[in-house]
Amino acid sequence: MAEVTPEEIQQRFDRLTEIFSGIVTQADAQACRRCPYRDRHDVCTAKFRCHNQVAKEDTGDSTPTVLTCSHNGSFDYRSAWESDPRAADVARKKIARQQRRPGDNPARSS
């Protein structure tokens, strides 16, 4: 087996870093639009109550009711988990501060 040089190892690490940085960037962007508790079948997997949960229609058999996620991506879902109105307001303000980045135009809506 041929010996791998330190330069080749670094090139491989650089390539892996490039691949994973793209994945991380996409995951960060998606986390602001899609609830992390919504699976690929739109079923809510949260173990707590959220106002975006909707019970699927009863099929009449003995299967347990399945909660689906009604979040449509048009708002930041993170405030949905707050049951205390004051805490929800604090969460919304914190989210708004986090969404503003240097150089952003505050008059522009997302």
Protein backbone atom coordinates (compact mmCIF):
# COMPACT_ATOMS: atom_id res chain seq x y z
CA MET A 1 0.00 0.00 0.00
CA ALA A 2 1.33 3.43 -0.93
CA GLU A 3 2.24 5.81 1.87
CA VAL A 4 0.03 8.89 2.19
CA THR A 5 1.88 12.15 2.62
CA PRO A 6 0.84 14.82 5.13
CA GLU A 7 -0.05 17.10 2.20
CA GLU A 8 -2.45 14.50 0.81
CA ILE A 9 -4.01 14.05 4.22
CA GLN A 10 -4.51 17.82 4.52
CA GLN A 11 -6.09 17.92 1.04
CA ARG A 12 -8.54 15.21 2.13
CA PHE A 13 -9.37 17.06 5.34
CA ASP A 14 -9.90 20.26 3.35
CA ARG A 15 -12.29 18.44 0.98
CA LEU A 16 -14.27 16.99 3.90
CA THR A 17 -14.44 20.44 5.50
CA GLU A 18 -15.77 21.88 2.24
CA ILE A 19 -18.45 19.18 2.01
CA PHE A 20 -19.58 19.50 5.63
CA SER A 21 -19.58 23.30 5.62
CA GLY A 22 -22.18 23.24 2.83
CA ILE A 23 -24.32 20.82 4.81
CA VAL A 24 -24.07 22.98 7.94
CA THR A 25 -24.95 26.15 6.02
CA GLN A 26 -28.08 24.49 4.58
CA ALA A 27 -29.09 23.09 7.99
CA ASP A 28 -28.71 26.53 9.63
CA ALA A 29 -30.89 28.15 6.97
CA GLN A 30 -33.53 25.43 7.16
CA ALA A 31 -33.68 25.59 10.96
CA CYS A 32 -35.25 29.06 10.73
CA ARG A 33 -38.03 27.87 8.42
CA ARG A 34 -38.81 24.27 9.34
CA CYS A 35 -39.68 22.93 12.76
CA PRO A 36 -37.05 20.42 13.87
CA TYR A 37 -39.79 18.19 15.34
CA ARG A 38 -41.56 17.73 11.97
CA ASP A 39 -40.57 14.52 10.24
CA ARG A 40 -40.57 13.82 6.50
CA HIS A 41 -44.20 12.64 6.67
CA ASP A 42 -45.29 15.92 8.39
CA VAL A 43 -45.84 14.05 11.67
CA CYS A 44 -45.01 16.02 14.81
CA THR A 45 -42.48 14.14 16.94
CA ALA A 46 -42.42 16.67 19.81
CA LYS A 47 -43.10 15.28 23.27
CA PHE A 48 -44.78 18.53 24.32
CA ARG A 49 -47.78 20.55 23.17
CA CYS A 50 -47.34 23.06 20.34
CA HIS A 51 -50.07 25.20 18.77
CA ASN A 52 -49.00 23.94 15.33
CA GLN A 53 -50.04 20.36 16.15
CA VAL A 54 -53.16 19.10 14.36
CA ALA A 55 -54.74 15.69 14.95
CA LYS A 56 -55.10 13.58 11.81
CA GLU A 57 -58.63 12.58 10.95
CA ASP A 58 -59.84 9.58 12.94
CA THR A 59 -59.77 6.46 10.76
CA GLY A 60 -62.26 4.63 12.98
CA ASP A 61 -59.88 1.85 13.97
CA SER A 62 -57.98 1.47 17.23
CA THR A 63 -54.79 3.17 16.05
CA PRO A 64 -53.67 6.08 18.25
CA THR A 65 -54.29 9.61 17.03
CA VAL A 66 -51.33 10.98 15.09
CA LEU A 67 -50.41 14.65 15.44
CA THR A 68 -49.27 16.36 12.27
CA CYS A 69 -47.40 19.63 12.01
CA SER A 70 -49.33 22.50 10.43
CA HIS A 71 -46.33 24.83 10.34
CA ASN A 72 -46.03 26.09 6.78
CA GLY A 73 -42.65 27.81 6.95
CA SER A 74 -44.06 31.32 6.78
CA PHE A 75 -43.08 32.24 10.34
CA ASP A 76 -40.39 31.50 12.86
CA TYR A 77 -41.73 28.44 14.72
CA ARG A 78 -39.61 28.93 17.87
CA SER A 79 -42.12 31.21 19.61
CA ALA A 80 -44.86 28.56 19.21
CA TRP A 81 -43.52 26.66 22.22
CA GLU A 82 -43.98 29.50 24.69
CA SER A 83 -47.20 29.27 26.73
CA ASP A 84 -46.57 32.40 28.82
CA PRO A 85 -47.42 35.51 26.73
CA ARG A 86 -44.62 37.53 28.33
CA ALA A 87 -42.08 34.79 27.64
CA ALA A 88 -43.35 34.49 24.06
CA ASP A 89 -42.86 38.24 23.58
CA VAL A 90 -39.31 38.01 24.95
CA ALA A 91 -38.64 35.05 22.61
CA ARG A 92 -39.96 36.98 19.57
CA LYS A 93 -37.75 39.97 20.39
CA LYS A 94 -34.71 37.75 20.85
CA ILE A 95 -35.40 36.01 17.54
CA ALA A 96 -35.78 39.38 15.79
CA ARG A 97 -32.43 40.54 17.21
CA GLN A 98 -30.75 37.34 16.07
CA GLN A 99 -32.16 37.67 12.56
CA ARG A 100 -30.73 41.17 12.15
CA ARG A 101 -27.18 41.00 10.95
CA PRO A 102 -24.71 43.82 10.29
CA GLY A 103 -25.34 45.27 6.85
CA ASP A 104 -28.96 44.05 6.67
CA ASN A 105 -31.56 46.58 5.63
CA PRO A 106 -34.07 46.76 8.53
CA ALA A 107 -36.77 48.15 6.22
CA ARG A 108 -36.60 45.03 4.05
CA SER A 109 -38.98 42.25 5.09
CA SER A 110 -38.05 38.56 4.92
